[in-house]
């Protein structure tokens, strides 16, 4: 459980960091790097949201993983 919470927070934090870089840094003439950063931000954000939904589902159903 603790690892899943940490993973969710880290994924969302990385997504927000990448998105902030895209917003705050002026775009160069070749925007390929910024396209990659936008895609990575979206991917990490989606993974963080899915992780959060799975965490919420496990909490609401009372199902706990034994490791």
PDB file of N, CA and C in Angstrom:
ATOM      1  N   UNK A   1       0.824  -1.188   0.000  1.00  0.00           N
ATOM      2  CA  UNK A   1       0.000   0.000   0.000  1.00  0.00           C
ATOM      3  C   UNK A   1       0.869   1.252   0.000  1.00  0.00           C
ATOM      4  N   UNK A   2       1.890   1.265   0.843  1.00  0.00           N
ATOM      5  CA  UNK A   2       2.736   2.445   0.932  1.00  0.00           C
ATOM      6  C   UNK A   2       3.464   2.697  -0.383  1.00  0.00           C
ATOM      7  N   UNK A   3       3.899   1.620  -1.050  1.00  0.00           N
ATOM      8  CA  UNK A   3       4.587   1.769  -2.327  1.00  0.00           C
ATOM      9  C   UNK A   3       3.660   2.323  -3.402  1.00  0.00           C
ATOM     10  N   UNK A   4       2.396   1.936  -3.368  1.00  0.00           N
ATOM     11  CA  UNK A   4       1.446   2.419  -4.366  1.00  0.00           C
ATOM     12  C   UNK A   4       1.179   3.907  -4.174  1.00  0.00           C
ATOM     13  N   UNK A   5       1.089   4.350  -2.948  1.00  0.00           N
ATOM     14  CA  UNK A   5       0.895   5.777  -2.674  1.00  0.00           C
ATOM     15  C   UNK A   5       2.112   6.562  -3.135  1.00  0.00           C
ATOM     16  N   UNK A   6       3.296   6.064  -2.835  1.00  0.00           N
ATOM     17  CA  UNK A   6       4.530   6.728  -3.251  1.00  0.00           C
ATOM     18  C   UNK A   6       4.622   6.788  -4.769  1.00  0.00           C
ATOM     19  N   UNK A   7       4.281   5.689  -5.426  1.00  0.00           N
ATOM     20  CA  UNK A   7       4.322   5.657  -6.886  1.00  0.00           C
ATOM     21  C   UNK A   7       3.356   6.665  -7.488  1.00  0.00           C
ATOM     22  N   UNK A   8       2.151   6.750  -6.937  1.00  0.00           N
ATOM     23  CA  UNK A   8       1.158   7.695  -7.447  1.00  0.00           C
ATOM     24  C   UNK A   8       1.642   9.130  -7.292  1.00  0.00           C
ATOM     25  N   UNK A   9       2.171   9.451  -6.136  1.00  0.00           N
ATOM     26  CA  UNK A   9       2.649  10.818  -5.886  1.00  0.00           C
ATOM     27  C   UNK A   9       3.821  11.155  -6.803  1.00  0.00           C
ATOM     28  N   UNK A  10       4.749  10.225  -6.975  1.00  0.00           N
ATOM     29  CA  UNK A  10       5.904  10.482  -7.841  1.00  0.00           C
ATOM     30  C   UNK A  10       5.501  10.653  -9.301  1.00  0.00           C
ATOM     31  N   UNK A  11       4.585   9.827  -9.783  1.00  0.00           N
ATOM     32  CA  UNK A  11       4.138   9.956 -11.169  1.00  0.00           C
ATOM     33  C   UNK A  11       3.476  11.305 -11.416  1.00  0.00           C
ATOM     34  N   UNK A  12       2.607  11.715 -10.503  1.00  0.00           N
ATOM     35  CA  UNK A  12       1.932  13.001 -10.669  1.00  0.00           C
ATOM     36  C   UNK A  12       2.904  14.171 -10.513  1.00  0.00           C
ATOM     37  N   UNK A  13       3.882  14.044  -9.624  1.00  0.00           N
ATOM     38  CA  UNK A  13       4.869  15.111  -9.440  1.00  0.00           C
ATOM     39  C   UNK A  13       5.743  15.277 -10.684  1.00  0.00           C
ATOM     40  N   UNK A  14       6.169  14.172 -11.271  1.00  0.00           N
ATOM     41  CA  UNK A  14       6.976  14.244 -12.488  1.00  0.00           C
ATOM     42  C   UNK A  14       6.155  14.857 -13.625  1.00  0.00           C
ATOM     43  N   UNK A  15       4.901  14.483 -13.711  1.00  0.00           N
ATOM     44  CA  UNK A  15       4.030  15.044 -14.740  1.00  0.00           C
ATOM     45  C   UNK A  15       3.885  16.555 -14.586  1.00  0.00           C
ATOM     46  N   UNK A  16       3.668  17.016 -13.375  1.00  0.00           N
ATOM     47  CA  UNK A  16       3.520  18.454 -13.127  1.00  0.00           C
ATOM     48  C   UNK A  16       4.832  19.182 -13.412  1.00  0.00           C
ATOM     49  N   UNK A  17       5.954  18.582 -13.047  1.00  0.00           N
ATOM     50  CA  UNK A  17       7.263  19.191 -13.298  1.00  0.00           C
ATOM     51  C   UNK A  17       7.518  19.349 -14.797  1.00  0.00           C
ATOM     52  N   UNK A  18       7.251  18.307 -15.570  1.00  0.00           N
ATOM     53  CA  UNK A  18       7.453  18.386 -17.009  1.00  0.00           C
ATOM     54  C   UNK A  18       6.522  19.415 -17.646  1.00  0.00           C
ATOM     55  N   UNK A  19       5.286  19.469 -17.176  1.00  0.00           N
ATOM     56  CA  UNK A  19       4.331  20.442 -17.703  1.00  0.00           C
ATOM     57  C   UNK A  19       4.777  21.863 -17.375  1.00  0.00           C
ATOM     58  N   UNK A  20       5.310  22.065 -16.180  1.00  0.00           N
ATOM     59  CA  UNK A  20       5.800  23.394 -15.796  1.00  0.00           C
ATOM     60  C   UNK A  20       6.995  23.797 -16.651  1.00  0.00           C
ATOM     61  N   UNK A  21       7.858  22.858 -16.977  1.00  0.00           N
ATOM     62  CA  UNK A  21       8.999  23.163 -17.847  1.00  0.00           C
ATOM     63  C   UNK A  21       8.511  23.623 -19.212  1.00  0.00           C
ATOM     64  N   UNK A  22       7.517  22.935 -19.751  1.00  0.00           N
ATOM     65  CA  UNK A  22       6.982  23.310 -21.056  1.00  0.00           C
ATOM     66  C   UNK A  22       6.359  24.709 -21.002  1.00  0.00           C
ATOM     67  N   UNK A  23       5.704  25.042 -19.910  1.00  0.00           N
ATOM     68  CA  UNK A  23       5.056  26.350 -19.804  1.00  0.00           C
ATOM     69  C   UNK A  23       6.039  27.485 -19.554  1.00  0.00           C
ATOM     70  N   UNK A  24       7.055  27.254 -18.746  1.00  0.00           N
ATOM     71  CA  UNK A  24       7.919  28.342 -18.297  1.00  0.00           C
ATOM     72  C   UNK A  24       9.131  28.615 -19.196  1.00  0.00           C
ATOM     73  N   UNK A  25       9.600  27.604 -19.889  1.00  0.00           N
ATOM     74  CA  UNK A  25      10.791  27.774 -20.728  1.00  0.00           C
ATOM     75  C   UNK A  25      10.344  28.187 -22.130  1.00  0.00           C
ATOM     76  N   UNK A  26      10.950  29.223 -22.687  1.00  0.00           N
ATOM     77  CA  UNK A  26      10.568  29.625 -24.039  1.00  0.00           C
ATOM     78  C   UNK A  26      10.910  28.543 -25.063  1.00  0.00           C
ATOM     79  N   UNK A  27      10.019  28.351 -26.010  1.00  0.00           N
ATOM     80  CA  UNK A  27      10.197  27.294 -27.011  1.00  0.00           C
ATOM     81  C   UNK A  27      11.282  27.677 -28.010  1.00  0.00           C
ATOM     82  N   UNK A  28      12.173  26.747 -28.333  1.00  0.00           N
ATOM     83  CA  UNK A  28      13.201  27.023 -29.341  1.00  0.00           C
ATOM     84  C   UNK A  28      12.613  26.919 -30.753  1.00  0.00           C
ATOM     85  N   UNK A  29      13.457  27.141 -31.739  1.00  0.00           N
ATOM     86  CA  UNK A  29      12.987  27.045 -33.126  1.00  0.00           C
ATOM     87  C   UNK A  29      12.638  25.616 -33.501  1.00  0.00           C
ATOM     88  N   UNK A  30      13.336  24.652 -32.916  1.00  0.00           N
ATOM     89  CA  UNK A  30      13.035  23.250 -33.183  1.00  0.00           C
ATOM     90  C   UNK A  30      12.259  22.690 -31.989  1.00  0.00           C
ATOM     91  N   UNK A  31      10.946  22.573 -32.107  1.00  0.00           N
ATOM     92  CA  UNK A  31      10.136  22.182 -30.942  1.00  0.00           C
ATOM     93  C   UNK A  31      10.061  20.673 -30.697  1.00  0.00           C
ATOM     94  N   UNK A  32      10.975  19.894 -31.276  1.00  0.00           N
ATOM     95  CA  UNK A  32      10.930  18.450 -31.093  1.00  0.00           C
ATOM     96  C   UNK A  32      11.057  18.064 -29.621  1.00  0.00           C
ATOM     97  N   UNK A  33      11.975  18.704 -28.915  1.00  0.00           N
ATOM     98  CA  UNK A  33      12.154  18.407 -27.492  1.00  0.00           C
ATOM     99  C   UNK A  33      10.892  18.738 -26.703  1.00  0.00           C
ATOM    100  N   UNK A  34      10.245  19.826 -27.056  1.00  0.00           N
ATOM    101  CA  UNK A  34       9.034  20.209 -26.339  1.00  0.00           C
ATOM    102  C   UNK A  34       7.879  19.268 -26.653  1.00  0.00           C
ATOM    103  N   UNK A  35       7.848  18.732 -27.877  1.00  0.00           N
ATOM    104  CA  UNK A  35       6.843  17.716 -28.192  1.00  0.00           C
ATOM    105  C   UNK A  35       7.064  16.466 -27.347  1.00  0.00           C
ATOM    106  N   UNK A  36       8.320  16.095 -27.175  1.00  0.00           N
ATOM    107  CA  UNK A  36       8.649  14.929 -26.336  1.00  0.00           C
ATOM    108  C   UNK A  36       8.263  15.207 -24.881  1.00  0.00           C
ATOM    109  N   UNK A  37       8.563  16.412 -24.388  1.00  0.00           N
ATOM    110  CA  UNK A  37       8.210  16.758 -23.006  1.00  0.00           C
ATOM    111  C   UNK A  37       6.704  16.772 -22.802  1.00  0.00           C
ATOM    112  N   UNK A  38       5.959  17.292 -23.785  1.00  0.00           N
ATOM    113  CA  UNK A  38       4.491  17.287 -23.670  1.00  0.00           C
ATOM    114  C   UNK A  38       3.951  15.857 -23.629  1.00  0.00           C
ATOM    115  N   UNK A  39       4.487  14.995 -24.481  1.00  0.00           N
ATOM    116  CA  UNK A  39       4.051  13.598 -24.491  1.00  0.00           C
ATOM    117  C   UNK A  39       4.401  12.881 -23.195  1.00  0.00           C
ATOM    118  N   UNK A  40       5.596  13.146 -22.679  1.00  0.00           N
ATOM    119  CA  UNK A  40       6.007  12.515 -21.419  1.00  0.00           C
ATOM    120  C   UNK A  40       5.144  13.014 -20.268  1.00  0.00           C
ATOM    121  N   UNK A  41       4.835  14.302 -20.280  1.00  0.00           N
ATOM    122  CA  UNK A  41       3.985  14.856 -19.227  1.00  0.00           C
ATOM    123  C   UNK A  41       2.606  14.212 -19.246  1.00  0.00           C
ATOM    124  N   UNK A  42       2.057  14.072 -20.433  1.00  0.00           N
ATOM    125  CA  UNK A  42       0.748  13.422 -20.555  1.00  0.00           C
ATOM    126  C   UNK A  42       0.789  11.962 -20.140  1.00  0.00           C
ATOM    127  N   UNK A  43       1.846  11.270 -20.526  1.00  0.00           N
ATOM    128  CA  UNK A  43       1.979   9.854 -20.170  1.00  0.00           C
ATOM    129  C   UNK A  43       2.119   9.638 -18.673  1.00  0.00           C
ATOM    130  N   UNK A  44       2.973  10.438 -18.043  1.00  0.00           N
ATOM    131  CA  UNK A  44       3.135  10.316 -16.590  1.00  0.00           C
ATOM    132  C   UNK A  44       1.856  10.726 -15.868  1.00  0.00           C
ATOM    133  N   UNK A  45       1.171  11.745 -16.380  1.00  0.00           N
ATOM    134  CA  UNK A  45      -0.098  12.166 -15.773  1.00  0.00           C
ATOM    135  C   UNK A  45      -1.157  11.077 -15.871  1.00  0.00           C
ATOM    136  N   UNK A  46      -1.251  10.447 -17.033  1.00  0.00           N
ATOM    137  CA  UNK A  46      -2.213   9.363 -17.212  1.00  0.00           C
ATOM    138  C   UNK A  46      -1.877   8.180 -16.307  1.00  0.00           C
ATOM    139  N   UNK A  47      -0.598   7.837 -16.226  1.00  0.00           N
ATOM    140  CA  UNK A  47      -0.191   6.732 -15.347  1.00  0.00           C
ATOM    141  C   UNK A  47      -0.479   7.052 -13.887  1.00  0.00           C
ATOM    142  N   UNK A  48      -0.256   8.310 -13.484  1.00  0.00           N
ATOM    143  CA  UNK A  48      -0.561   8.715 -12.113  1.00  0.00           C
ATOM    144  C   UNK A  48      -2.045   8.655 -11.813  1.00  0.00           C
ATOM    145  N   UNK A  49      -2.871   9.069 -12.767  1.00  0.00           N
ATOM    146  CA  UNK A  49      -4.325   9.015 -12.566  1.00  0.00           C
ATOM    147  C   UNK A  49      -4.820   7.575 -12.475  1.00  0.00           C
ATOM    148  N   UNK A  50      -4.286   6.712 -13.327  1.00  0.00           N
ATOM    149  CA  UNK A  50      -4.673   5.296 -13.276  1.00  0.00           C
ATOM    150  C   UNK A  50      -4.235   4.684 -11.951  1.00  0.00           C
ATOM    151  N   UNK A  51      -3.040   5.015 -11.506  1.00  0.00           N
ATOM    152  CA  UNK A  51      -2.558   4.510 -10.229  1.00  0.00           C
ATOM    153  C   UNK A  51      -3.444   4.993  -9.081  1.00  0.00           C
ATOM    154  N   UNK A  52      -3.872   6.253  -9.156  1.00  0.00           N
ATOM    155  CA  UNK A  52      -4.757   6.794  -8.122  1.00  0.00           C
ATOM    156  C   UNK A  52      -6.110   6.091  -8.125  1.00  0.00           C
ATOM    157  N   UNK A  53      -6.653   5.833  -9.309  1.00  0.00           N
ATOM    158  CA  UNK A  53      -7.948   5.141  -9.397  1.00  0.00           C
ATOM    159  C   UNK A  53      -7.834   3.727  -8.841  1.00  0.00           C
ATOM    160  N   UNK A  54      -6.747   3.029  -9.149  1.00  0.00           N
ATOM    161  CA  UNK A  54      -6.561   1.677  -8.615  1.00  0.00           C
ATOM    162  C   UNK A  54      -6.396   1.701  -7.094  1.00  0.00           C
ATOM    163  N   UNK A  55      -5.681   2.696  -6.593  1.00  0.00           N
ATOM    164  CA  UNK A  55      -5.515   2.854  -5.153  1.00  0.00           C
ATOM    165  C   UNK A  55      -6.869   3.113  -4.486  1.00  0.00           C
ATOM    166  N   UNK A  56      -7.665   3.975  -5.085  1.00  0.00           N
ATOM    167  CA  UNK A  56      -8.988   4.286  -4.552  1.00  0.00           C
ATOM    168  C   UNK A  56      -9.901   3.065  -4.587  1.00  0.00           C
ATOM    169  N   UNK A  57      -9.835   2.291  -5.678  1.00  0.00           N
ATOM    170  CA  UNK A  57     -10.652   1.076  -5.793  1.00  0.00           C
ATOM    171  C   UNK A  57     -10.283   0.069  -4.713  1.00  0.00           C
ATOM    172  N   UNK A  58      -8.984  -0.111  -4.478  1.00  0.00           N
ATOM    173  CA  UNK A  58      -8.541  -1.047  -3.440  1.00  0.00           C
ATOM    174  C   UNK A  58      -8.995  -0.595  -2.056  1.00  0.00           C
ATOM    175  N   UNK A  59      -8.972   0.712  -1.803  1.00  0.00           N
ATOM    176  CA  UNK A  59      -9.407   1.219  -0.504  1.00  0.00           C
ATOM    177  C   UNK A  59     -10.914   1.064  -0.301  1.00  0.00           C
ATOM    178  N   UNK A  60     -11.677   1.319  -1.352  1.00  0.00           N
ATOM    179  CA  UNK A  60     -13.130   1.251  -1.218  1.00  0.00           C
ATOM    180  C   UNK A  60     -13.640  -0.180  -1.119  1.00  0.00           C
ATOM    181  N   UNK A  61     -12.973  -1.110  -1.786  1.00  0.00           N
ATOM    182  CA  UNK A  61     -13.413  -2.505  -1.705  1.00  0.00           C
ATOM    183  C   UNK A  61     -12.847  -3.209  -0.479  1.00  0.00           C
ATOM    184  N   UNK A  62     -11.885  -2.600   0.179  1.00  0.00           N
ATOM    185  CA  UNK A  62     -11.294  -3.203   1.368  1.00  0.00           C
ATOM    186  C   UNK A  62     -10.324  -4.313   1.050  1.00  0.00           C
ATOM    187  N   UNK A  63      -9.948  -4.424  -0.212  1.00  0.00           N
ATOM    188  CA  UNK A  63      -9.027  -5.455  -0.628  1.00  0.00           C
ATOM    189  C   UNK A  63      -7.603  -4.983  -0.393  1.00  0.00           C
ATOM    190  N   UNK A  64      -6.844  -5.736   0.374  1.00  0.00           N
ATOM    191  CA  UNK A  64      -5.465  -5.368   0.679  1.00  0.00           C
ATOM    192  C   UNK A  64      -4.543  -6.435   0.109  1.00  0.00           C
ATOM    193  N   UNK A  65      -3.479  -5.996  -0.526  1.00  0.00           N
ATOM    194  CA  UNK A  65      -2.491  -6.934  -1.077  1.00  0.00           C
ATOM    195  C   UNK A  65      -1.539  -7.357   0.037  1.00  0.00           C
ATOM    196  N   UNK A  66      -1.272  -8.640   0.086  1.00  0.00           N
ATOM    197  CA  UNK A  66      -0.328  -9.168   1.064  1.00  0.00           C
ATOM    198  C   UNK A  66       0.981  -9.415   0.332  1.00  0.00           C
ATOM    199  N   UNK A  67       2.045  -8.789   0.808  1.00  0.00           N
ATOM    200  CA  UNK A  67       3.326  -8.994   0.130  1.00  0.00           C
ATOM    201  C   UNK A  67       4.385  -9.462   1.088  1.00  0.00           C
TER     202      UNK A  67
END
